[in-house]
Amino acid sequence: MHGQDIAVPLGRTIEPPADAAATGATTAVRVGWPVWRKHRIDGFALRATDIEWSHGEGAEILGPIRALLLLITGRPAGLESVTGAGVPRLSARMLAG
């Protein structure tokens, strides 16, 4: 995660091993605070496009697992790499704090 914090603003991509990113995402959605605020992703169906991983129900957010992990952990930089009907609402929610 911290490598992504540096790479994304610099326009670089770090491709973490997919299984490690999936494990991180699964752990983050289970752990909750302080890793993430649950309400941030409530009402969204997160679906990885590069591996088999999903979480939640609602408006769809589609993207690579690395981007979803960024979003789950509260990093708006992940918004640049996702698509779906839920993106505008998630973006507004994240940027509002």
PDB file of N, CA and C in Angstrom:
ATOM      1  N   MET A   1       0.804  -1.189   0.000  1.00  0.00           N
ATOM      2  CA  MET A   1       0.000   0.000   0.000  1.00  0.00           C
ATOM      3  C   MET A   1       0.849   1.255   0.000  1.00  0.00           C
ATOM      4  N   HIS A   2       1.840   1.285   0.830  1.00  0.00           N
ATOM      5  CA  HIS A   2       2.617   2.516   0.944  1.00  0.00           C
ATOM      6  C   HIS A   2       3.414   2.793  -0.326  1.00  0.00           C
ATOM      7  N   GLY A   3       3.818   1.741  -1.012  1.00  0.00           N
ATOM      8  CA  GLY A   3       4.472   1.930  -2.306  1.00  0.00           C
ATOM      9  C   GLY A   3       3.523   2.558  -3.310  1.00  0.00           C
ATOM     10  N   GLN A   4       2.259   2.146  -3.276  1.00  0.00           N
ATOM     11  CA  GLN A   4       1.243   2.737  -4.153  1.00  0.00           C
ATOM     12  C   GLN A   4       1.031   4.212  -3.812  1.00  0.00           C
ATOM     13  N   ASP A   5       1.095   4.545  -2.521  1.00  0.00           N
ATOM     14  CA  ASP A   5       0.928   5.941  -2.098  1.00  0.00           C
ATOM     15  C   ASP A   5       1.948   6.848  -2.778  1.00  0.00           C
ATOM     16  N   ILE A   6       3.123   6.317  -3.019  1.00  0.00           N
ATOM     17  CA  ILE A   6       4.183   7.091  -3.673  1.00  0.00           C
ATOM     18  C   ILE A   6       4.061   6.995  -5.194  1.00  0.00           C
ATOM     19  N   ALA A   7       3.837   5.797  -5.700  1.00  0.00           N
ATOM     20  CA  ALA A   7       3.842   5.570  -7.148  1.00  0.00           C
ATOM     21  C   ALA A   7       2.698   6.265  -7.878  1.00  0.00           C
ATOM     22  N   VAL A   8       1.487   6.176  -7.354  1.00  0.00           N
ATOM     23  CA  VAL A   8       0.320   6.704  -8.069  1.00  0.00           C
ATOM     24  C   VAL A   8       0.440   8.202  -8.344  1.00  0.00           C
ATOM     25  N   PRO A   9       0.774   9.038  -7.360  1.00  0.00           N
ATOM     26  CA  PRO A   9       0.909  10.467  -7.662  1.00  0.00           C
ATOM     27  C   PRO A   9       2.010  10.776  -8.676  1.00  0.00           C
ATOM     28  N   LEU A  10       2.985   9.882  -8.787  1.00  0.00           N
ATOM     29  CA  LEU A  10       4.067  10.069  -9.747  1.00  0.00           C
ATOM     30  C   LEU A  10       3.721   9.511 -11.122  1.00  0.00           C
ATOM     31  N   GLY A  11       2.499   8.985 -11.263  1.00  0.00           N
ATOM     32  CA  GLY A  11       2.077   8.433 -12.545  1.00  0.00           C
ATOM     33  C   GLY A  11       2.672   7.074 -12.845  1.00  0.00           C
ATOM     34  N   ARG A  12       3.122   6.399 -11.832  1.00  0.00           N
ATOM     35  CA  ARG A  12       3.720   5.075 -12.013  1.00  0.00           C
ATOM     36  C   ARG A  12       2.771   4.011 -11.496  1.00  0.00           C
ATOM     37  N   THR A  13       2.969   2.811 -11.982  1.00  0.00           N
ATOM     38  CA  THR A  13       2.136   1.695 -11.557  1.00  0.00           C
ATOM     39  C   THR A  13       3.013   0.628 -10.938  1.00  0.00           C
ATOM     40  N   ILE A  14       2.638   0.211  -9.763  1.00  0.00           N
ATOM     41  CA  ILE A  14       3.270  -0.941  -9.125  1.00  0.00           C
ATOM     42  C   ILE A  14       2.229  -2.048  -9.157  1.00  0.00           C
ATOM     43  N   GLU A  15       2.553  -3.131  -9.796  1.00  0.00           N
ATOM     44  CA  GLU A  15       1.629  -4.261  -9.876  1.00  0.00           C
ATOM     45  C   GLU A  15       1.962  -5.247  -8.762  1.00  0.00           C
ATOM     46  N   PRO A  16       1.215  -5.204  -7.679  1.00  0.00           N
ATOM     47  CA  PRO A  16       1.470  -6.171  -6.617  1.00  0.00           C
ATOM     48  C   PRO A  16       1.033  -7.558  -7.072  1.00  0.00           C
ATOM     49  N   PRO A  17       1.592  -8.602  -6.493  1.00  0.00           N
ATOM     50  CA  PRO A  17       1.098  -9.938  -6.823  1.00  0.00           C
ATOM     51  C   PRO A  17      -0.412  -9.984  -6.552  1.00  0.00           C
ATOM     52  N   ALA A  18      -1.169 -10.497  -7.500  1.00  0.00           N
ATOM     53  CA  ALA A  18      -2.629 -10.485  -7.397  1.00  0.00           C
ATOM     54  C   ALA A  18      -3.128 -11.169  -6.131  1.00  0.00           C
ATOM     55  N   ASP A  19      -2.515 -12.292  -5.770  1.00  0.00           N
ATOM     56  CA  ASP A  19      -2.983 -12.990  -4.573  1.00  0.00           C
ATOM     57  C   ASP A  19      -2.713 -12.182  -3.312  1.00  0.00           C
ATOM     58  N   ALA A  20      -1.601 -11.469  -3.272  1.00  0.00           N
ATOM     59  CA  ALA A  20      -1.299 -10.624  -2.112  1.00  0.00           C
ATOM     60  C   ALA A  20      -2.270  -9.451  -2.030  1.00  0.00           C
ATOM     61  N   ALA A  21      -2.582  -8.848  -3.166  1.00  0.00           N
ATOM     62  CA  ALA A  21      -3.530  -7.733  -3.182  1.00  0.00           C
ATOM     63  C   ALA A  21      -4.919  -8.207  -2.776  1.00  0.00           C
ATOM     64  N   ALA A  22      -5.320  -9.384  -3.241  1.00  0.00           N
ATOM     65  CA  ALA A  22      -6.629  -9.930  -2.871  1.00  0.00           C
ATOM     66  C   ALA A  22      -6.688 -10.221  -1.376  1.00  0.00           C
ATOM     67  N   THR A  23      -5.618 -10.784  -0.839  1.00  0.00           N
ATOM     68  CA  THR A  23      -5.565 -11.039   0.599  1.00  0.00           C
ATOM     69  C   THR A  23      -5.640  -9.730   1.370  1.00  0.00           C
ATOM     70  N   GLY A  24      -4.920  -8.725   0.900  1.00  0.00           N
ATOM     71  CA  GLY A  24      -4.965  -7.413   1.547  1.00  0.00           C
ATOM     72  C   GLY A  24      -6.353  -6.812   1.517  1.00  0.00           C
ATOM     73  N   ALA A  25      -7.031  -6.908   0.379  1.00  0.00           N
ATOM     74  CA  ALA A  25      -8.380  -6.356   0.250  1.00  0.00           C
ATOM     75  C   ALA A  25      -9.360  -7.102   1.153  1.00  0.00           C
ATOM     76  N   THR A  26      -9.271  -8.421   1.156  1.00  0.00           N
ATOM     77  CA  THR A  26     -10.158  -9.223   2.002  1.00  0.00           C
ATOM     78  C   THR A  26      -9.927  -8.910   3.472  1.00  0.00           C
ATOM     79  N   THR A  27      -8.678  -8.789   3.859  1.00  0.00           N
ATOM     80  CA  THR A  27      -8.359  -8.457   5.243  1.00  0.00           C
ATOM     81  C   THR A  27      -8.860  -7.065   5.598  1.00  0.00           C
ATOM     82  N   ALA A  28      -8.654  -6.108   4.715  1.00  0.00           N
ATOM     83  CA  ALA A  28      -9.061  -4.729   4.992  1.00  0.00           C
ATOM     84  C   ALA A  28     -10.567  -4.609   5.180  1.00  0.00           C
ATOM     85  N   VAL A  29     -11.356  -5.324   4.377  1.00  0.00           N
ATOM     86  CA  VAL A  29     -12.806  -5.222   4.553  1.00  0.00           C
ATOM     87  C   VAL A  29     -13.279  -5.944   5.805  1.00  0.00           C
ATOM     88  N   ARG A  30     -12.515  -6.889   6.291  1.00  0.00           N
ATOM     89  CA  ARG A  30     -12.875  -7.589   7.534  1.00  0.00           C
ATOM     90  C   ARG A  30     -12.442  -6.817   8.774  1.00  0.00           C
ATOM     91  N   VAL A  31     -11.281  -6.202   8.717  1.00  0.00           N
ATOM     92  CA  VAL A  31     -10.712  -5.532   9.887  1.00  0.00           C
ATOM     93  C   VAL A  31     -11.484  -4.272  10.248  1.00  0.00           C
ATOM     94  N   GLY A  32     -11.837  -3.485   9.254  1.00  0.00           N
ATOM     95  CA  GLY A  32     -12.512  -2.225   9.539  1.00  0.00           C
ATOM     96  C   GLY A  32     -11.554  -1.190  10.095  1.00  0.00           C
ATOM     97  N   TRP A  33     -12.061  -0.350  10.967  1.00  0.00           N
ATOM     98  CA  TRP A  33     -11.262   0.720  11.545  1.00  0.00           C
ATOM     99  C   TRP A  33     -10.092   0.136  12.309  1.00  0.00           C
ATOM    100  N   PRO A  34      -8.882   0.602  12.220  1.00  0.00           N
ATOM    101  CA  PRO A  34      -8.467   1.855  11.614  1.00  0.00           C
ATOM    102  C   PRO A  34      -8.084   1.743  10.142  1.00  0.00           C
ATOM    103  N   VAL A  35      -8.202   0.560   9.553  1.00  0.00           N
ATOM    104  CA  VAL A  35      -7.804   0.405   8.148  1.00  0.00           C
ATOM    105  C   VAL A  35      -8.761   1.147   7.225  1.00  0.00           C
ATOM    106  N   TRP A  36     -10.025   1.088   7.502  1.00  0.00           N
ATOM    107  CA  TRP A  36     -11.001   1.761   6.643  1.00  0.00           C
ATOM    108  C   TRP A  36     -12.253   2.049   7.437  1.00  0.00           C
ATOM    109  N   ARG A  37     -13.023   3.008   6.973  1.00  0.00           N
ATOM    110  CA  ARG A  37     -14.312   3.303   7.593  1.00  0.00           C
ATOM    111  C   ARG A  37     -15.375   2.569   6.790  1.00  0.00           C
ATOM    112  N   LYS A  38     -16.042   1.650   7.452  1.00  0.00           N
ATOM    113  CA  LYS A  38     -16.977   0.759   6.767  1.00  0.00           C
ATOM    114  C   LYS A  38     -17.984   1.506   5.905  1.00  0.00           C
ATOM    115  N   HIS A  39     -18.498   2.590   6.385  1.00  0.00           N
ATOM    116  CA  HIS A  39     -19.534   3.284   5.620  1.00  0.00           C
ATOM    117  C   HIS A  39     -19.034   3.785   4.269  1.00  0.00           C
ATOM    118  N   ARG A  40     -17.743   3.914   4.116  1.00  0.00           N
ATOM    119  CA  ARG A  40     -17.192   4.412   2.850  1.00  0.00           C
ATOM    120  C   ARG A  40     -17.584   3.522   1.675  1.00  0.00           C
ATOM    121  N   ILE A  41     -17.570   2.202   1.869  1.00  0.00           N
ATOM    122  CA  ILE A  41     -17.875   1.308   0.751  1.00  0.00           C
ATOM    123  C   ILE A  41     -19.233   0.634   0.888  1.00  0.00           C
ATOM    124  N   ASP A  42     -20.020   1.015   1.888  1.00  0.00           N
ATOM    125  CA  ASP A  42     -21.379   0.480   1.999  1.00  0.00           C
ATOM    126  C   ASP A  42     -22.189   0.880   0.774  1.00  0.00           C
ATOM    127  N   GLY A  43     -22.958  -0.046   0.251  1.00  0.00           N
ATOM    128  CA  GLY A  43     -23.814   0.237  -0.894  1.00  0.00           C
ATOM    129  C   GLY A  43     -23.133   0.099  -2.241  1.00  0.00           C
ATOM    130  N   PHE A  44     -21.937  -0.480  -2.241  1.00  0.00           N
ATOM    131  CA  PHE A  44     -21.204  -0.673  -3.491  1.00  0.00           C
ATOM    132  C   PHE A  44     -20.819  -2.139  -3.654  1.00  0.00           C
ATOM    133  N   ALA A  45     -20.819  -2.589  -4.894  1.00  0.00           N
ATOM    134  CA  ALA A  45     -20.330  -3.921  -5.238  1.00  0.00           C
ATOM    135  C   ALA A  45     -18.965  -3.731  -5.886  1.00  0.00           C
ATOM    136  N   LEU A  46     -17.922  -4.048  -5.151  1.00  0.00           N
ATOM    137  CA  LEU A  46     -16.560  -3.936  -5.671  1.00  0.00           C
ATOM    138  C   LEU A  46     -16.230  -5.226  -6.414  1.00  0.00           C
ATOM    139  N   ARG A  47     -15.785  -5.107  -7.665  1.00  0.00           N
ATOM    140  CA  ARG A  47     -15.479  -6.276  -8.487  1.00  0.00           C
ATOM    141  C   ARG A  47     -14.132  -6.087  -9.176  1.00  0.00           C
ATOM    142  N   ALA A  48     -13.201  -6.982  -8.873  1.00  0.00           N
ATOM    143  CA  ALA A  48     -11.893  -6.929  -9.533  1.00  0.00           C
ATOM    144  C   ALA A  48     -12.042  -7.401 -10.976  1.00  0.00           C
ATOM    145  N   THR A  49     -11.337  -6.734 -11.869  1.00  0.00           N
ATOM    146  CA  THR A  49     -11.378  -7.097 -13.285  1.00  0.00           C
ATOM    147  C   THR A  49     -10.187  -7.942 -13.713  1.00  0.00           C
ATOM    148  N   ASP A  50      -9.191  -8.050 -12.850  1.00  0.00           N
ATOM    149  CA  ASP A  50      -7.985  -8.790 -13.221  1.00  0.00           C
ATOM    150  C   ASP A  50      -7.842 -10.121 -12.497  1.00  0.00           C
ATOM    151  N   ILE A  51      -8.618 -10.323 -11.444  1.00  0.00           N
ATOM    152  CA  ILE A  51      -8.626 -11.592 -10.713  1.00  0.00           C
ATOM    153  C   ILE A  51     -10.055 -11.843 -10.250  1.00  0.00           C
ATOM    154  N   GLU A  52     -10.294 -13.009  -9.701  1.00  0.00           N
ATOM    155  CA  GLU A  52     -11.616 -13.306  -9.173  1.00  0.00           C
ATOM    156  C   GLU A  52     -11.686 -12.835  -7.724  1.00  0.00           C
ATOM    157  N   TRP A  53     -12.272 -11.670  -7.516  1.00  0.00           N
ATOM    158  CA  TRP A  53     -12.457 -11.098  -6.178  1.00  0.00           C
ATOM    159  C   TRP A  53     -13.612 -10.117  -6.226  1.00  0.00           C
ATOM    160  N   SER A  54     -14.448 -10.159  -5.219  1.00  0.00           N
ATOM    161  CA  SER A  54     -15.546  -9.202  -5.130  1.00  0.00           C
ATOM    162  C   SER A  54     -15.939  -9.020  -3.673  1.00  0.00           C
ATOM    163  N   HIS A  55     -16.618  -7.906  -3.429  1.00  0.00           N
ATOM    164  CA  HIS A  55     -17.110  -7.623  -2.080  1.00  0.00           C
ATOM    165  C   HIS A  55     -18.306  -6.690  -2.175  1.00  0.00           C
ATOM    166  N   GLY A  56     -19.323  -6.985  -1.413  1.00  0.00           N
ATOM    167  CA  GLY A  56     -20.443  -6.075  -1.258  1.00  0.00           C
ATOM    168  C   GLY A  56     -21.520  -6.185  -2.311  1.00  0.00           C
ATOM    169  N   GLU A  57     -22.553  -5.373  -2.089  1.00  0.00           N
ATOM    170  CA  GLU A  57     -23.697  -5.314  -2.989  1.00  0.00           C
ATOM    171  C   GLU A  57     -24.064  -3.864  -3.219  1.00  0.00           C
ATOM    172  N   GLY A  58     -24.584  -3.587  -4.398  1.00  0.00           N
ATOM    173  CA  GLY A  58     -25.022  -2.234  -4.719  1.00  0.00           C
ATOM    174  C   GLY A  58     -24.470  -1.783  -6.048  1.00  0.00           C
ATOM    175  N   ALA A  59     -24.277  -0.471  -6.165  1.00  0.00           N
ATOM    176  CA  ALA A  59     -23.753   0.108  -7.405  1.00  0.00           C
ATOM    177  C   ALA A  59     -22.351  -0.440  -7.654  1.00  0.00           C
ATOM    178  N   GLU A  60     -22.106  -0.854  -8.881  1.00  0.00           N
ATOM    179  CA  GLU A  60     -20.862  -1.549  -9.203  1.00  0.00           C
ATOM    180  C   GLU A  60     -19.672  -0.609  -9.364  1.00  0.00           C
ATOM    181  N   ILE A  61     -18.547  -1.053  -8.816  1.00  0.00           N
ATOM    182  CA  ILE A  61     -17.241  -0.415  -8.984  1.00  0.00           C
ATOM    183  C   ILE A  61     -16.334  -1.503  -9.544  1.00  0.00           C
ATOM    184  N   LEU A  62     -15.828  -1.315 -10.757  1.00  0.00           N
ATOM    185  CA  LEU A  62     -15.002  -2.311 -11.437  1.00  0.00           C
ATOM    186  C   LEU A  62     -13.595  -1.788 -11.640  1.00  0.00           C
ATOM    187  N   GLY A  63     -12.603  -2.630 -11.356  1.00  0.00           N
ATOM    188  CA  GLY A  63     -11.233  -2.217 -11.606  1.00  0.00           C
ATOM    189  C   GLY A  63     -10.244  -3.257 -11.143  1.00  0.00           C
ATOM    190  N   PRO A  64      -8.973  -3.013 -11.401  1.00  0.00           N
ATOM    191  CA  PRO A  64      -7.942  -3.953 -10.955  1.00  0.00           C
ATOM    192  C   PRO A  64      -7.903  -4.007  -9.428  1.00  0.00           C
ATOM    193  N   ILE A  65      -7.521  -5.141  -8.907  1.00  0.00           N
ATOM    194  CA  ILE A  65      -7.517  -5.334  -7.455  1.00  0.00           C
ATOM    195  C   ILE A  65      -6.661  -4.283  -6.753  1.00  0.00           C
ATOM    196  N   ARG A  66      -5.569  -3.843  -7.365  1.00  0.00           N
ATOM    197  CA  ARG A  66      -4.730  -2.825  -6.722  1.00  0.00           C
ATOM    198  C   ARG A  66      -5.507  -1.528  -6.518  1.00  0.00           C
ATOM    199  N   ALA A  67      -6.361  -1.160  -7.478  1.00  0.00           N
ATOM    200  CA  ALA A  67      -7.166   0.059  -7.353  1.00  0.00           C
ATOM    201  C   ALA A  67      -8.243  -0.112  -6.288  1.00  0.00           C
ATOM    202  N   LEU A  68      -8.869  -1.284  -6.249  1.00  0.00           N
ATOM    203  CA  LEU A  68      -9.895  -1.532  -5.240  1.00  0.00           C
ATOM    204  C   LEU A  68      -9.299  -1.500  -3.844  1.00  0.00           C
ATOM    205  N   LEU A  69      -8.098  -2.047  -3.697  1.00  0.00           N
ATOM    206  CA  LEU A  69      -7.434  -2.013  -2.396  1.00  0.00           C
ATOM    207  C   LEU A  69      -7.151  -0.575  -1.974  1.00  0.00           C
ATOM    208  N   LEU A  70      -6.744   0.259  -2.909  1.00  0.00           N
ATOM    209  CA  LEU A  70      -6.551   1.676  -2.596  1.00  0.00           C
ATOM    210  C   LEU A  70      -7.850   2.292  -2.090  1.00  0.00           C
ATOM    211  N   LEU A  71      -8.949   2.018  -2.772  1.00  0.00           N
ATOM    212  CA  LEU A  71     -10.232   2.590  -2.376  1.00  0.00           C
ATOM    213  C   LEU A  71     -10.680   2.092  -1.011  1.00  0.00           C
ATOM    214  N   ILE A  72     -10.540   0.803  -0.775  1.00  0.00           N
ATOM    215  CA  ILE A  72     -10.954   0.221   0.505  1.00  0.00           C
ATOM    216  C   ILE A  72     -10.203   0.866   1.656  1.00  0.00           C
ATOM    217  N   THR A  73      -8.946   1.177   1.430  1.00  0.00           N
ATOM    218  CA  THR A  73      -8.127   1.761   2.492  1.00  0.00           C
ATOM    219  C   THR A  73      -8.148   3.288   2.482  1.00  0.00           C
ATOM    220  N   GLY A  74      -9.110   3.853   1.743  1.00  0.00           N
ATOM    221  CA  GLY A  74      -9.344   5.292   1.823  1.00  0.00           C
ATOM    222  C   GLY A  74      -8.483   6.166   0.954  1.00  0.00           C
ATOM    223  N   ARG A  75      -7.880   5.603  -0.060  1.00  0.00           N
ATOM    224  CA  ARG A  75      -7.000   6.383  -0.925  1.00  0.00           C
ATOM    225  C   ARG A  75      -7.722   6.719  -2.231  1.00  0.00           C
ATOM    226  N   PRO A  76      -8.113   7.986  -2.423  1.00  0.00           N
ATOM    227  CA  PRO A  76      -8.856   8.376  -3.616  1.00  0.00           C
ATOM    228  C   PRO A  76      -8.088   8.179  -4.918  1.00  0.00           C
ATOM    229  N   ALA A  77      -6.784   7.991  -4.860  1.00  0.00           N
ATOM    230  CA  ALA A  77      -6.008   7.760  -6.084  1.00  0.00           C
ATOM    231  C   ALA A  77      -6.515   6.536  -6.834  1.00  0.00           C
ATOM    232  N   GLY A  78      -7.146   5.607  -6.148  1.00  0.00           N
ATOM    233  CA  GLY A  78      -7.699   4.427  -6.800  1.00  0.00           C
ATOM    234  C   GLY A  78      -8.852   4.740  -7.735  1.00  0.00           C
ATOM    235  N   LEU A  79      -9.479   5.900  -7.557  1.00  0.00           N
ATOM    236  CA  LEU A  79     -10.612   6.286  -8.403  1.00  0.00           C
ATOM    237  C   LEU A  79     -10.226   6.407  -9.872  1.00  0.00           C
ATOM    238  N   GLU A  80      -8.974   6.744 -10.139  1.00  0.00           N
ATOM    239  CA  GLU A  80      -8.511   6.930 -11.517  1.00  0.00           C
ATOM    240  C   GLU A  80      -8.538   5.641 -12.334  1.00  0.00           C
ATOM    241  N   SER A  81      -8.557   4.504 -11.662  1.00  0.00           N
ATOM    242  CA  SER A  81      -8.438   3.219 -12.363  1.00  0.00           C
ATOM    243  C   SER A  81      -9.704   2.381 -12.327  1.00  0.00           C
ATOM    244  N   VAL A  82     -10.824   2.953 -11.893  1.00  0.00           N
ATOM    245  CA  VAL A  82     -12.054   2.174 -11.801  1.00  0.00           C
ATOM    246  C   VAL A  82     -13.156   2.763 -12.675  1.00  0.00           C
ATOM    247  N   THR A  83     -14.127   1.918 -12.982  1.00  0.00           N
ATOM    248  CA  THR A  83     -15.299   2.324 -13.755  1.00  0.00           C
ATOM    249  C   THR A  83     -16.529   1.747 -13.070  1.00  0.00           C
ATOM    250  N   GLY A  84     -17.682   2.112 -13.574  1.00  0.00           N
ATOM    251  CA  GLY A  84     -18.924   1.541 -13.069  1.00  0.00           C
ATOM    252  C   GLY A  84     -19.892   2.603 -12.597  1.00  0.00           C
ATOM    253  N   ALA A  85     -21.137   2.186 -12.450  1.00  0.00           N
ATOM    254  CA  ALA A  85     -22.211   3.104 -12.076  1.00  0.00           C
ATOM    255  C   ALA A  85     -21.993   3.745 -10.712  1.00  0.00           C
ATOM    256  N   GLY A  86     -21.259   3.085  -9.835  1.00  0.00           N
ATOM    257  CA  GLY A  86     -21.065   3.605  -8.491  1.00  0.00           C
ATOM    258  C   GLY A  86     -19.925   4.594  -8.334  1.00  0.00           C
ATOM    259  N   VAL A  87     -19.115   4.769  -9.368  1.00  0.00           N
ATOM    260  CA  VAL A  87     -17.923   5.617  -9.242  1.00  0.00           C
ATOM    261  C   VAL A  87     -18.255   7.060  -8.859  1.00  0.00           C
ATOM    262  N   PRO A  88     -19.220   7.731  -9.495  1.00  0.00           N
ATOM    263  CA  PRO A  88     -19.488   9.122  -9.099  1.00  0.00           C
ATOM    264  C   PRO A  88     -19.880   9.261  -7.622  1.00  0.00           C
ATOM    265  N   ARG A  89     -20.718   8.350  -7.140  1.00  0.00           N
ATOM    266  CA  ARG A  89     -21.150   8.426  -5.739  1.00  0.00           C
ATOM    267  C   ARG A  89     -20.002   8.101  -4.788  1.00  0.00           C
ATOM    268  N   LEU A  90     -19.202   7.081  -5.110  1.00  0.00           N
ATOM    269  CA  LEU A  90     -18.058   6.748  -4.260  1.00  0.00           C
ATOM    270  C   LEU A  90     -17.057   7.888  -4.256  1.00  0.00           C
ATOM    271  N   SER A  91     -16.824   8.478  -5.412  1.00  0.00           N
ATOM    272  CA  SER A  91     -15.899   9.607  -5.510  1.00  0.00           C
ATOM    273  C   SER A  91     -16.352  10.752  -4.613  1.00  0.00           C
ATOM    274  N   ALA A  92     -17.619  11.102  -4.688  1.00  0.00           N
ATOM    275  CA  ALA A  92     -18.144  12.184  -3.849  1.00  0.00           C
ATOM    276  C   ALA A  92     -18.010  11.842  -2.374  1.00  0.00           C
ATOM    277  N   ARG A  93     -18.281  10.604  -2.026  1.00  0.00           N
ATOM    278  CA  ARG A  93     -18.199  10.171  -0.632  1.00  0.00           C
ATOM    279  C   ARG A  93     -16.760  10.237  -0.128  1.00  0.00           C
ATOM    280  N   MET A  94     -15.821   9.774  -0.948  1.00  0.00           N
ATOM    281  CA  MET A  94     -14.423   9.760  -0.513  1.00  0.00           C
ATOM    282  C   MET A  94     -13.854  11.168  -0.408  1.00  0.00           C
ATOM    283  N   LEU A  95     -14.161  11.993  -1.381  1.00  0.00           N
ATOM    284  CA  LEU A  95     -13.587  13.335  -1.392  1.00  0.00           C
ATOM    285  C   LEU A  95     -14.218  14.239  -0.338  1.00  0.00           C
ATOM    286  N   ALA A  96     -15.403  13.857   0.150  1.00  0.00           N
ATOM    287  CA  ALA A  96     -16.049  14.621   1.218  1.00  0.00           C
ATOM    288  C   ALA A  96     -15.443  14.287   2.576  1.00  0.00           C
ATOM    289  N   GLY A  97     -14.684  13.200   2.614  1.00  0.00           N
ATOM    290  CA  GLY A  97     -14.041  12.825   3.871  1.00  0.00           C
ATOM    291  C   GLY A  97     -14.786  11.750   4.503  1.00  0.00           C
TER     292      GLY A  97
END
